[in-house]
Every structure is written in structure tokens, then in C-alpha cells.
Amino acid sequence: MTLVQLRHLISLAHTGSFSKSAQALHLTQPALSRSVRALEEELGMPLFDRIGRRNELTAFGREVLERARLLVSEAESLRDRGRQMREGEGGTVRIGLGSGPGALLMTPFLLHMAQHHPAVRTVIARGSTDLLAQALRERSLDALVVDARALKPAPDLTLTHVYELRGAFLCRRGHPLTRLRKGVSFEAVQRYPIASTPLSDEVARGLVETYGPQAHPANCVTLQCEEIPSIADVVRQSDTVLLAVHESAPDLVELRMEPPMHGTARFGLVTLRQRTEAPALAILRRLMETQMGG
């Protein structure tokens, strides 16, 4: 039994004529007859009584017609729903954002979805990279944008659209360190509270190589939080120094370090291999290019 056969049944029940229904369905009359006959054979009961030139539903045919209309209606509804999701007009998208990507993407993504795709249910989850990866594997998230260096390589994960952003020491305007005429040493920075999100081992290694063992995050970071906007607010209201990518808090001032800081953050899109993507991920990719591609 196919939806095509059910549509043929509905049309014939409406017209009562094989010739009229065949014309309306753009079929030959023998093709329509074969379709209806095959449906009757599969169901094991006649659907129409041939009375003169008119075909009228049997009692069983009336019952089948009622259910056929429901099935065809549901199928058309599913088709329309698929079109809506494909065109960003419906469905749900669930994105996990790490601390750095969250500071760059969360507000722009939510704003874009609210303004341009209001029928799409958009869900944002925050947390550590390990917890977000677990949620992705459990199918409670569709994709992640996280620090690629903090992601443990795994055969079931696909990492794409990787963007590299330079890290920096940031402070408020008017901070005492901004008054130094020469480059700012790490020892000078260390006189103030230092804030950051959890940093990858690779970033920690780079800090130690540039500024010595005292620059390891375990030794120098006094305020650690997954949410950059929260610690950026602390930096704006105090002499705290923030270690992050400048794009995450563009109103803060970047300190001219001596020697210069060469560490970078690598943010990328993570999906589950061989899983069909949510259509709205195309929107997220374009936003990543705008916010991170420079």
C-alpha cells in the first residue's frame, strides 16, 4: 500500500469516474484501474461498487477512505514540516557553546534567530568541553562550538570550521598598567588579580614558555569561571586582568606585553559523525565566519 494508491482512492471517491480521476491525476485510465485494483487485492475487500457508469464506495471503502484522508493529510504535513525546517522556518536547533565561543556567538546567534527565524526553537547549552561532548553523544545537542585544543580526539566526532584567535591580557580603560610607557612585564601583571576561563594544556605550555613557570594558569589565575561575560564585568569594575581573546570583550584594553604573547585559541564546530545535521547549522556556520573569520 502506498500514498499514491491512497490518493488515487480519494480522487476516485470524489469523482466516481475513472476517466475524470485519471484526467485530474494525469494518468491513463488503465493505470488508475490497476492502482485501485492492486489496493483492493492487498486489502482483501472491494472498495467500489461499479453501478452503471458511476463507481460508489462500498461500506468497507467508506472506512478506508476516512483513514486514507488522515494518512495523506499527515504525510503532507510531514512534507511541509520538512520544507519548513530545511528553509529555517521551523524545528529545533540545540547548540552547546564553550566559554570562549559563548562570549563571541551566544548573543549574536540568539538575536539572529529571534529576528530572522522566530519559528525555530533555539536552545543554547553551556558547560565544559567534556560535558558538552557527552551531551552531543547522547543526542541532546546537535552541535558544539568549543576550544578545539580542549576537545579529546575521538573517531565519532567531526571538527570543522576551525578559527584561530590570538590571546591577550586585557584590562579596563584607565587601569594602572595602561600608564606604563614601556611594554608590560608578566611580573607587573601578576601584581593584580588574573581572571580566565579554564585553559587548555597547550595554552598553559605557551604561557610557561614565554613568561616562565609562574605564568602557568594553576599558579597565576586567581579568578576562574566558565562564563567570560561574568569575569569581563569584574574586569570592568576592578583592576583585575583578563586572559582571553580580545574579541570576547572588545571594549577592554589589550596590554602591550613584553615579551609579546603568542598564544592563540582555536575554536571549531563539532558534530557527531554520520548524523544528519539540523538545517539551522548552516546559519551558525555563517555567523562563525562573521564573528571569528575576521
C-alpha atoms as a PDB file:
ATOM      1  CA  MET A   1       0.000   0.000   0.000  1.00  0.00           C
ATOM      2  CA  THR A   2       1.375   3.401  -0.990  1.00  0.00           C
ATOM      3  CA  LEU A   3       0.386   7.017  -0.517  1.00  0.00           C
ATOM      4  CA  VAL A   4      -0.027   7.221  -4.290  1.00  0.00           C
ATOM      5  CA  GLN A   5      -2.665   4.456  -4.179  1.00  0.00           C
ATOM      6  CA  LEU A   6      -4.455   6.224  -1.323  1.00  0.00           C
ATOM      7  CA  ARG A   7      -4.515   9.472  -3.315  1.00  0.00           C
ATOM      8  CA  HIS A   8      -5.985   7.545  -6.243  1.00  0.00           C
ATOM      9  CA  LEU A   9      -8.679   6.159  -3.945  1.00  0.00           C
ATOM     10  CA  ILE A  10      -9.539   9.629  -2.621  1.00  0.00           C
ATOM     11  CA  SER A  11      -9.796  11.080  -6.113  1.00  0.00           C
ATOM     12  CA  LEU A  12     -11.994   8.258  -7.415  1.00  0.00           C
ATOM     13  CA  ALA A  13     -14.252   8.512  -4.371  1.00  0.00           C
ATOM     14  CA  HIS A  14     -14.675  12.231  -5.117  1.00  0.00           C
ATOM     15  CA  THR A  15     -15.413  11.963  -8.850  1.00  0.00           C
ATOM     16  CA  GLY A  16     -16.974   8.496  -9.046  1.00  0.00           C
ATOM     17  CA  SER A  17     -15.400   8.260 -12.503  1.00  0.00           C
ATOM     18  CA  PHE A  18     -12.200   6.540 -13.587  1.00  0.00           C
ATOM     19  CA  SER A  19     -11.914   8.769 -16.649  1.00  0.00           C
ATOM     20  CA  LYS A  20     -12.338  12.036 -14.697  1.00  0.00           C
ATOM     21  CA  SER A  21      -9.939  10.964 -11.941  1.00  0.00           C
ATOM     22  CA  ALA A  22      -7.372   9.732 -14.454  1.00  0.00           C
ATOM     23  CA  GLN A  23      -7.520  13.094 -16.202  1.00  0.00           C
ATOM     24  CA  ALA A  24      -7.197  15.004 -12.909  1.00  0.00           C
ATOM     25  CA  LEU A  25      -4.277  12.813 -11.788  1.00  0.00           C
ATOM     26  CA  HIS A  26      -2.552  12.979 -15.215  1.00  0.00           C
ATOM     27  CA  LEU A  27      -2.786   9.175 -15.581  1.00  0.00           C
ATOM     28  CA  THR A  28      -4.135   6.853 -18.171  1.00  0.00           C
ATOM     29  CA  GLN A  29      -7.389   5.197 -17.204  1.00  0.00           C
ATOM     30  CA  PRO A  30      -5.853   1.670 -17.291  1.00  0.00           C
ATOM     31  CA  ALA A  31      -3.054   2.817 -14.940  1.00  0.00           C
ATOM     32  CA  LEU A  32      -5.584   4.185 -12.446  1.00  0.00           C
ATOM     33  CA  SER A  33      -7.629   0.984 -12.676  1.00  0.00           C
ATOM     34  CA  ARG A  34      -4.553  -1.135 -11.958  1.00  0.00           C
ATOM     35  CA  SER A  35      -3.681   1.033  -8.952  1.00  0.00           C
ATOM     36  CA  VAL A  36      -7.140   0.737  -7.384  1.00  0.00           C
ATOM     37  CA  ARG A  37      -7.352  -2.972  -8.176  1.00  0.00           C
ATOM     38  CA  ALA A  38      -3.954  -3.587  -6.518  1.00  0.00           C
ATOM     39  CA  LEU A  39      -5.133  -1.738  -3.409  1.00  0.00           C
ATOM     40  CA  GLU A  40      -8.301  -3.822  -3.255  1.00  0.00           C
ATOM     41  CA  GLU A  41      -6.283  -7.018  -3.628  1.00  0.00           C
ATOM     42  CA  GLU A  42      -3.931  -6.034  -0.849  1.00  0.00           C
ATOM     43  CA  LEU A  43      -6.793  -5.136   1.499  1.00  0.00           C
ATOM     44  CA  GLY A  44      -8.716  -8.263   0.518  1.00  0.00           C
ATOM     45  CA  MET A  45     -12.035  -6.452   0.044  1.00  0.00           C
ATOM     46  CA  PRO A  46     -13.658  -4.453  -2.766  1.00  0.00           C
ATOM     47  CA  LEU A  47     -13.596  -0.686  -2.264  1.00  0.00           C
ATOM     48  CA  PHE A  48     -16.039   0.318  -5.034  1.00  0.00           C
ATOM     49  CA  ASP A  49     -19.251  -0.991  -6.496  1.00  0.00           C
ATOM     50  CA  ARG A  50     -19.477  -0.355 -10.211  1.00  0.00           C
ATOM     51  CA  ILE A  51     -23.040   0.902 -10.701  1.00  0.00           C
ATOM     52  CA  GLY A  52     -23.569   1.838 -14.327  1.00  0.00           C
ATOM     53  CA  ARG A  53     -21.027   4.477 -15.229  1.00  0.00           C
ATOM     54  CA  ARG A  54     -20.520   5.536 -11.641  1.00  0.00           C
ATOM     55  CA  ASN A  55     -18.246   3.968  -9.036  1.00  0.00           C
ATOM     56  CA  GLU A  56     -19.577   4.162  -5.486  1.00  0.00           C
ATOM     57  CA  LEU A  57     -17.746   3.250  -2.290  1.00  0.00           C
ATOM     58  CA  THR A  58     -18.633   0.044  -0.507  1.00  0.00           C
ATOM     59  CA  ALA A  59     -19.151   0.138   3.274  1.00  0.00           C
ATOM     60  CA  PHE A  60     -15.557  -1.021   3.676  1.00  0.00           C
ATOM     61  CA  GLY A  61     -14.462   1.539   1.083  1.00  0.00           C
ATOM     62  CA  ARG A  62     -16.002   4.366   3.149  1.00  0.00           C
ATOM     63  CA  GLU A  63     -13.993   3.241   6.185  1.00  0.00           C
ATOM     64  CA  VAL A  64     -10.798   3.030   4.132  1.00  0.00           C
ATOM     65  CA  LEU A  65     -11.464   6.463   2.612  1.00  0.00           C
ATOM     66  CA  GLU A  66     -11.725   8.060   6.054  1.00  0.00           C
ATOM     67  CA  ARG A  67      -8.385   6.608   7.140  1.00  0.00           C
ATOM     68  CA  ALA A  68      -6.773   7.335   3.763  1.00  0.00           C
ATOM     69  CA  ARG A  69      -7.594  11.021   4.102  1.00  0.00           C
ATOM     70  CA  LEU A  70      -5.965  11.091   7.553  1.00  0.00           C
ATOM     71  CA  LEU A  71      -2.835   9.295   6.330  1.00  0.00           C
ATOM     72  CA  VAL A  72      -2.413  11.514   3.273  1.00  0.00           C
ATOM     73  CA  SER A  73      -3.008  14.625   5.368  1.00  0.00           C
ATOM     74  CA  GLU A  74      -0.363  13.538   7.882  1.00  0.00           C
ATOM     75  CA  ALA A  75       2.088  12.744   5.087  1.00  0.00           C
ATOM     76  CA  GLU A  76       1.571  16.177   3.533  1.00  0.00           C
ATOM     77  CA  SER A  77       2.013  17.767   6.950  1.00  0.00           C
ATOM     78  CA  LEU A  78       5.320  15.922   7.397  1.00  0.00           C
ATOM     79  CA  ARG A  79       6.454  17.015   3.942  1.00  0.00           C
ATOM     80  CA  ASP A  80       5.612  20.647   4.729  1.00  0.00           C
ATOM     81  CA  ARG A  81       7.391  20.338   8.070  1.00  0.00           C
ATOM     82  CA  GLY A  82      10.494  19.071   6.326  1.00  0.00           C
ATOM     83  CA  ARG A  83      10.384  22.014   3.921  1.00  0.00           C
ATOM     84  CA  GLN A  84       9.977  24.458   6.817  1.00  0.00           C
ATOM     85  CA  MET A  85      12.957  23.006   8.668  1.00  0.00           C
ATOM     86  CA  ARG A  86      15.054  22.955   5.509  1.00  0.00           C
ATOM     87  CA  GLU A  87      14.287  26.636   4.923  1.00  0.00           C
ATOM     88  CA  GLY A  88      14.798  27.615   8.568  1.00  0.00           C
ATOM     89  CA  GLU A  89      11.097  28.157   9.249  1.00  0.00           C
ATOM     90  CA  GLY A  90      10.603  25.563  11.980  1.00  0.00           C
ATOM     91  CA  GLY A  91      12.053  22.767  14.069  1.00  0.00           C
ATOM     92  CA  THR A  92      14.563  22.879  16.888  1.00  0.00           C
ATOM     93  CA  VAL A  93      18.299  23.523  16.980  1.00  0.00           C
ATOM     94  CA  ARG A  94      20.330  22.761  20.130  1.00  0.00           C
ATOM     95  CA  ILE A  95      23.844  24.150  20.341  1.00  0.00           C
ATOM     96  CA  GLY A  96      26.495  23.700  23.030  1.00  0.00           C
ATOM     97  CA  LEU A  97      28.906  26.606  23.458  1.00  0.00           C
ATOM     98  CA  GLY A  98      32.195  26.573  25.316  1.00  0.00           C
ATOM     99  CA  SER A  99      33.256  29.599  27.346  1.00  0.00           C
ATOM    100  CA  GLY A 100      35.195  31.477  24.664  1.00  0.00           C
ATOM    101  CA  PRO A 101      32.839  30.729  21.758  1.00  0.00           C
ATOM    102  CA  GLY A 102      29.880  31.522  24.020  1.00  0.00           C
ATOM    103  CA  ALA A 103      31.184  35.043  24.602  1.00  0.00           C
ATOM    104  CA  LEU A 104      31.508  35.570  20.845  1.00  0.00           C
ATOM    105  CA  LEU A 105      28.460  33.758  19.486  1.00  0.00           C
ATOM    106  CA  MET A 106      25.666  33.375  22.024  1.00  0.00           C
ATOM    107  CA  THR A 107      24.070  36.829  21.853  1.00  0.00           C
ATOM    108  CA  PRO A 108      24.544  37.290  18.062  1.00  0.00           C
ATOM    109  CA  PHE A 109      23.158  33.799  17.355  1.00  0.00           C
ATOM    110  CA  LEU A 110      20.120  34.202  19.599  1.00  0.00           C
ATOM    111  CA  LEU A 111      19.452  37.667  18.174  1.00  0.00           C
ATOM    112  CA  HIS A 112      19.718  36.421  14.595  1.00  0.00           C
ATOM    113  CA  MET A 113      17.346  33.511  15.267  1.00  0.00           C
ATOM    114  CA  ALA A 114      14.838  35.784  17.010  1.00  0.00           C
ATOM    115  CA  GLN A 115      14.865  38.310  14.174  1.00  0.00           C
ATOM    116  CA  HIS A 116      15.091  36.070  11.112  1.00  0.00           C
ATOM    117  CA  HIS A 117      13.904  32.593  12.179  1.00  0.00           C
ATOM    118  CA  PRO A 118      11.384  33.150  15.002  1.00  0.00           C
ATOM    119  CA  ALA A 119       9.605  29.834  14.340  1.00  0.00           C
ATOM    120  CA  VAL A 120      12.766  27.820  15.076  1.00  0.00           C
ATOM    121  CA  ARG A 121      13.126  26.741  18.699  1.00  0.00           C
ATOM    122  CA  THR A 122      16.709  27.617  19.625  1.00  0.00           C
ATOM    123  CA  VAL A 123      18.334  26.039  22.690  1.00  0.00           C
ATOM    124  CA  ILE A 124      21.808  27.005  23.971  1.00  0.00           C
ATOM    125  CA  ALA A 125      23.704  24.848  26.481  1.00  0.00           C
ATOM    126  CA  ARG A 126      26.841  25.952  28.311  1.00  0.00           C
ATOM    127  CA  GLY A 127      29.453  23.929  30.162  1.00  0.00           C
ATOM    128  CA  SER A 128      32.862  22.328  29.964  1.00  0.00           C
ATOM    129  CA  THR A 129      34.001  20.742  26.701  1.00  0.00           C
ATOM    130  CA  ASP A 130      33.802  17.223  28.162  1.00  0.00           C
ATOM    131  CA  LEU A 131      30.218  17.690  29.375  1.00  0.00           C
ATOM    132  CA  LEU A 132      29.104  19.226  26.091  1.00  0.00           C
ATOM    133  CA  ALA A 133      30.704  16.389  24.106  1.00  0.00           C
ATOM    134  CA  GLN A 134      28.850  13.880  26.276  1.00  0.00           C
ATOM    135  CA  ALA A 135      25.551  15.674  25.584  1.00  0.00           C
ATOM    136  CA  LEU A 136      26.319  15.600  21.859  1.00  0.00           C
ATOM    137  CA  ARG A 137      26.874  11.846  22.002  1.00  0.00           C
ATOM    138  CA  GLU A 138      23.620  11.421  23.927  1.00  0.00           C
ATOM    139  CA  ARG A 139      21.812  13.277  21.093  1.00  0.00           C
ATOM    140  CA  SER A 140      20.620  16.047  23.430  1.00  0.00           C
ATOM    141  CA  LEU A 141      22.684  18.559  21.401  1.00  0.00           C
ATOM    142  CA  ASP A 142      23.017  18.933  17.628  1.00  0.00           C
ATOM    143  CA  ALA A 143      26.447  20.561  17.544  1.00  0.00           C
ATOM    144  CA  LEU A 144      29.097  22.275  19.667  1.00  0.00           C
ATOM    145  CA  VAL A 145      31.390  25.246  19.247  1.00  0.00           C
ATOM    146  CA  VAL A 146      34.298  24.739  21.640  1.00  0.00           C
ATOM    147  CA  ASP A 147      38.018  25.204  22.136  1.00  0.00           C
ATOM    148  CA  ALA A 148      39.439  22.637  19.710  1.00  0.00           C
ATOM    149  CA  ARG A 149      42.506  22.134  21.896  1.00  0.00           C
ATOM    150  CA  ALA A 150      40.345  21.092  24.848  1.00  0.00           C
ATOM    151  CA  LEU A 151      38.457  18.511  22.766  1.00  0.00           C
ATOM    152  CA  LYS A 152      39.690  14.951  23.127  1.00  0.00           C
ATOM    153  CA  PRO A 153      40.140  13.413  19.656  1.00  0.00           C
ATOM    154  CA  ALA A 154      37.583  10.679  19.024  1.00  0.00           C
ATOM    155  CA  PRO A 155      36.503   8.739  15.912  1.00  0.00           C
ATOM    156  CA  ASP A 156      32.824   9.607  16.406  1.00  0.00           C
ATOM    157  CA  LEU A 157      33.375  13.393  16.393  1.00  0.00           C
ATOM    158  CA  THR A 158      33.931  15.673  13.410  1.00  0.00           C
ATOM    159  CA  LEU A 159      35.717  19.002  13.883  1.00  0.00           C
ATOM    160  CA  THR A 160      35.296  21.625  11.137  1.00  0.00           C
ATOM    161  CA  HIS A 161      35.318  25.399  10.634  1.00  0.00           C
ATOM    162  CA  VAL A 162      38.255  25.964  12.949  1.00  0.00           C
ATOM    163  CA  TYR A 163      39.198  29.587  13.613  1.00  0.00           C
ATOM    164  CA  GLU A 164      42.358  30.689  15.406  1.00  0.00           C
ATOM    165  CA  LEU A 165      42.189  33.836  17.536  1.00  0.00           C
ATOM    166  CA  ARG A 166      45.084  35.438  19.368  1.00  0.00           C
ATOM    167  CA  GLY A 167      45.012  35.523  23.156  1.00  0.00           C
ATOM    168  CA  ALA A 168      45.783  38.661  25.157  1.00  0.00           C
ATOM    169  CA  PHE A 169      45.934  40.185  28.619  1.00  0.00           C
ATOM    170  CA  LEU A 170      43.033  42.642  28.883  1.00  0.00           C
ATOM    171  CA  CYS A 171      42.096  45.311  31.417  1.00  0.00           C
ATOM    172  CA  ARG A 172      39.725  48.239  31.877  1.00  0.00           C
ATOM    173  CA  ARG A 173      40.466  51.671  30.464  1.00  0.00           C
ATOM    174  CA  GLY A 174      42.415  53.719  32.983  1.00  0.00           C
ATOM    175  CA  HIS A 175      43.984  50.658  34.610  1.00  0.00           C
ATOM    176  CA  PRO A 176      47.390  51.455  36.198  1.00  0.00           C
ATOM    177  CA  LEU A 177      49.109  49.077  33.747  1.00  0.00           C
ATOM    178  CA  THR A 178      47.914  51.160  30.780  1.00  0.00           C
ATOM    179  CA  ARG A 179      50.017  54.068  32.040  1.00  0.00           C
ATOM    180  CA  LEU A 180      53.302  52.225  31.627  1.00  0.00           C
ATOM    181  CA  ARG A 181      55.269  53.723  28.765  1.00  0.00           C
ATOM    182  CA  LYS A 182      57.258  50.597  28.059  1.00  0.00           C
ATOM    183  CA  GLY A 183      55.987  47.097  27.485  1.00  0.00           C
ATOM    184  CA  VAL A 184      54.215  45.413  30.394  1.00  0.00           C
ATOM    185  CA  SER A 185      56.080  42.535  32.048  1.00  0.00           C
ATOM    186  CA  PHE A 186      54.322  39.463  33.377  1.00  0.00           C
ATOM    187  CA  GLU A 187      55.642  40.338  36.841  1.00  0.00           C
ATOM    188  CA  ALA A 188      53.736  43.641  36.613  1.00  0.00           C
ATOM    189  CA  VAL A 189      50.540  41.847  35.579  1.00  0.00           C
ATOM    190  CA  GLN A 190      50.928  39.414  38.445  1.00  0.00           C
ATOM    191  CA  ARG A 191      50.562  42.227  40.988  1.00  0.00           C
ATOM    192  CA  TYR A 192      46.852  42.238  40.129  1.00  0.00           C
ATOM    193  CA  PRO A 193      44.186  39.523  40.165  1.00  0.00           C
ATOM    194  CA  ILE A 194      44.233  37.495  36.927  1.00  0.00           C
ATOM    195  CA  ALA A 195      41.000  36.012  35.582  1.00  0.00           C
ATOM    196  CA  SER A 196      40.395  33.449  32.855  1.00  0.00           C
ATOM    197  CA  THR A 197      38.242  30.577  31.747  1.00  0.00           C
ATOM    198  CA  PRO A 198      39.695  27.057  32.116  1.00  0.00           C
ATOM    199  CA  LEU A 199      42.660  26.942  29.712  1.00  0.00           C
ATOM    200  CA  SER A 200      43.932  24.027  27.643  1.00  0.00           C
ATOM    201  CA  ASP A 201      47.278  22.362  28.355  1.00  0.00           C
ATOM    202  CA  GLU A 202      48.643  23.788  25.109  1.00  0.00           C
ATOM    203  CA  VAL A 203      47.842  27.356  26.156  1.00  0.00           C
ATOM    204  CA  ALA A 204      49.377  26.717  29.579  1.00  0.00           C
ATOM    205  CA  ARG A 205      52.538  25.413  27.895  1.00  0.00           C
ATOM    206  CA  GLY A 206      52.781  28.522  25.742  1.00  0.00           C
ATOM    207  CA  LEU A 207      52.437  30.818  28.758  1.00  0.00           C
ATOM    208  CA  VAL A 208      55.178  28.965  30.616  1.00  0.00           C
ATOM    209  CA  GLU A 209      57.494  29.042  27.597  1.00  0.00           C
ATOM    210  CA  THR A 210      57.013  32.800  27.213  1.00  0.00           C
ATOM    211  CA  TYR A 211      56.869  34.019  30.811  1.00  0.00           C
ATOM    212  CA  GLY A 212      58.249  31.194  32.955  1.00  0.00           C
ATOM    213  CA  PRO A 213      56.729  28.718  35.465  1.00  0.00           C
ATOM    214  CA  GLN A 214      54.944  31.492  37.374  1.00  0.00           C
ATOM    215  CA  ALA A 215      52.718  32.010  34.299  1.00  0.00           C
ATOM    216  CA  HIS A 216      51.173  28.548  34.478  1.00  0.00           C
ATOM    217  CA  PRO A 217      47.411  29.086  34.997  1.00  0.00           C
ATOM    218  CA  ALA A 218      47.496  26.898  38.122  1.00  0.00           C
ATOM    219  CA  ASN A 219      49.944  29.394  39.642  1.00  0.00           C
ATOM    220  CA  CYS A 220      48.735  32.762  38.379  1.00  0.00           C
ATOM    221  CA  VAL A 221      44.971  32.631  37.732  1.00  0.00           C
ATOM    222  CA  THR A 222      43.079  33.779  40.822  1.00  0.00           C
ATOM    223  CA  LEU A 223      39.591  34.049  39.285  1.00  0.00           C
ATOM    224  CA  GLN A 224      38.410  31.198  37.067  1.00  0.00           C
ATOM    225  CA  CYS A 225      34.937  30.951  35.529  1.00  0.00           C
ATOM    226  CA  GLU A 226      33.339  29.262  32.515  1.00  0.00           C
ATOM    227  CA  GLU A 227      31.450  32.463  31.669  1.00  0.00           C
ATOM    228  CA  ILE A 228      33.624  35.157  30.101  1.00  0.00           C
ATOM    229  CA  PRO A 229      30.897  37.852  30.265  1.00  0.00           C
ATOM    230  CA  SER A 230      30.802  37.493  34.062  1.00  0.00           C
ATOM    231  CA  ILE A 231      34.544  37.788  34.575  1.00  0.00           C
ATOM    232  CA  ALA A 232      34.725  40.572  31.955  1.00  0.00           C
ATOM    233  CA  ASP A 233      32.259  42.537  34.117  1.00  0.00           C
ATOM    234  CA  VAL A 234      34.593  42.031  37.102  1.00  0.00           C
ATOM    235  CA  VAL A 235      37.478  43.360  34.993  1.00  0.00           C
ATOM    236  CA  ARG A 236      35.477  46.443  34.000  1.00  0.00           C
ATOM    237  CA  GLN A 237      34.796  47.256  37.650  1.00  0.00           C
ATOM    238  CA  SER A 238      38.214  46.472  39.184  1.00  0.00           C
ATOM    239  CA  ASP A 239      41.925  46.213  38.498  1.00  0.00           C
ATOM    240  CA  THR A 240      41.597  42.534  37.573  1.00  0.00           C
ATOM    241  CA  VAL A 241      43.359  41.483  34.349  1.00  0.00           C
ATOM    242  CA  LEU A 242      41.592  39.101  31.972  1.00  0.00           C
ATOM    243  CA  LEU A 243      43.410  36.460  29.928  1.00  0.00           C
ATOM    244  CA  ALA A 244      41.228  35.787  26.859  1.00  0.00           C
ATOM    245  CA  VAL A 245      40.833  36.540  23.162  1.00  0.00           C
ATOM    246  CA  HIS A 246      40.211  40.256  22.666  1.00  0.00           C
ATOM    247  CA  GLU A 247      37.125  39.596  20.523  1.00  0.00           C
ATOM    248  CA  SER A 248      35.332  38.188  23.579  1.00  0.00           C
ATOM    249  CA  ALA A 249      35.430  41.611  25.315  1.00  0.00           C
ATOM    250  CA  PRO A 250      36.309  44.208  22.649  1.00  0.00           C
ATOM    251  CA  ASP A 251      35.700  47.187  24.954  1.00  0.00           C
ATOM    252  CA  LEU A 252      38.634  46.189  27.170  1.00  0.00           C
ATOM    253  CA  VAL A 253      42.184  47.386  26.560  1.00  0.00           C
ATOM    254  CA  GLU A 254      44.877  44.972  25.392  1.00  0.00           C
ATOM    255  CA  LEU A 255      48.115  45.276  27.340  1.00  0.00           C
ATOM    256  CA  ARG A 256      51.343  45.556  25.336  1.00  0.00           C
ATOM    257  CA  MET A 257      53.198  42.656  26.862  1.00  0.00           C
ATOM    258  CA  GLU A 258      56.999  42.343  26.844  1.00  0.00           C
ATOM    259  CA  PRO A 259      57.789  39.792  25.579  1.00  0.00           C
ATOM    260  CA  PRO A 260      54.663  39.664  23.382  1.00  0.00           C
ATOM    261  CA  MET A 261      52.125  36.929  23.982  1.00  0.00           C
ATOM    262  CA  HIS A 262      51.868  34.492  21.068  1.00  0.00           C
ATOM    263  CA  GLY A 263      49.257  32.081  22.419  1.00  0.00           C
ATOM    264  CA  THR A 264      46.089  31.522  20.432  1.00  0.00           C
ATOM    265  CA  ALA A 265      42.669  29.959  20.943  1.00  0.00           C
ATOM    266  CA  ARG A 266      41.303  27.561  18.318  1.00  0.00           C
ATOM    267  CA  PHE A 267      37.512  27.462  18.187  1.00  0.00           C
ATOM    268  CA  GLY A 268      35.745  24.914  15.997  1.00  0.00           C
ATOM    269  CA  LEU A 269      32.381  23.376  15.170  1.00  0.00           C
ATOM    270  CA  VAL A 270      31.928  19.819  16.445  1.00  0.00           C
ATOM    271  CA  THR A 271      29.279  17.428  15.121  1.00  0.00           C
ATOM    272  CA  LEU A 272      28.609  13.742  15.535  1.00  0.00           C
ATOM    273  CA  ARG A 273      29.956  11.747  12.619  1.00  0.00           C
ATOM    274  CA  GLN A 274      27.341  10.179  10.277  1.00  0.00           C
ATOM    275  CA  ARG A 275      24.485  12.050  11.950  1.00  0.00           C
ATOM    276  CA  THR A 276      22.118  14.133   9.815  1.00  0.00           C
ATOM    277  CA  GLU A 277      22.653  17.791  10.629  1.00  0.00           C
ATOM    278  CA  ALA A 278      19.994  20.204  11.828  1.00  0.00           C
ATOM    279  CA  PRO A 279      19.303  22.618   8.922  1.00  0.00           C
ATOM    280  CA  ALA A 280      19.927  25.640  11.170  1.00  0.00           C
ATOM    281  CA  LEU A 281      23.619  24.686  11.472  1.00  0.00           C
ATOM    282  CA  ALA A 282      24.196  26.492   8.188  1.00  0.00           C
ATOM    283  CA  ILE A 283      23.151  29.694   9.956  1.00  0.00           C
ATOM    284  CA  LEU A 284      25.620  29.025  12.774  1.00  0.00           C
ATOM    285  CA  ARG A 285      28.448  28.425  10.297  1.00  0.00           C
ATOM    286  CA  ARG A 286      27.813  31.759   8.593  1.00  0.00           C
ATOM    287  CA  LEU A 287      27.772  33.500  11.967  1.00  0.00           C
ATOM    288  CA  MET A 288      31.062  31.850  12.962  1.00  0.00           C
ATOM    289  CA  GLU A 289      32.635  33.179   9.780  1.00  0.00           C
ATOM    290  CA  THR A 290      31.361  36.687  10.552  1.00  0.00           C
ATOM    291  CA  GLN A 291      32.370  36.712  14.225  1.00  0.00           C
ATOM    292  CA  MET A 292      35.607  34.709  14.060  1.00  0.00           C
ATOM    293  CA  GLY A 293      36.806  34.812  10.486  1.00  0.00           C
ATOM    294  CA  GLY A 294      37.978  38.394  10.729  1.00  0.00           C
END
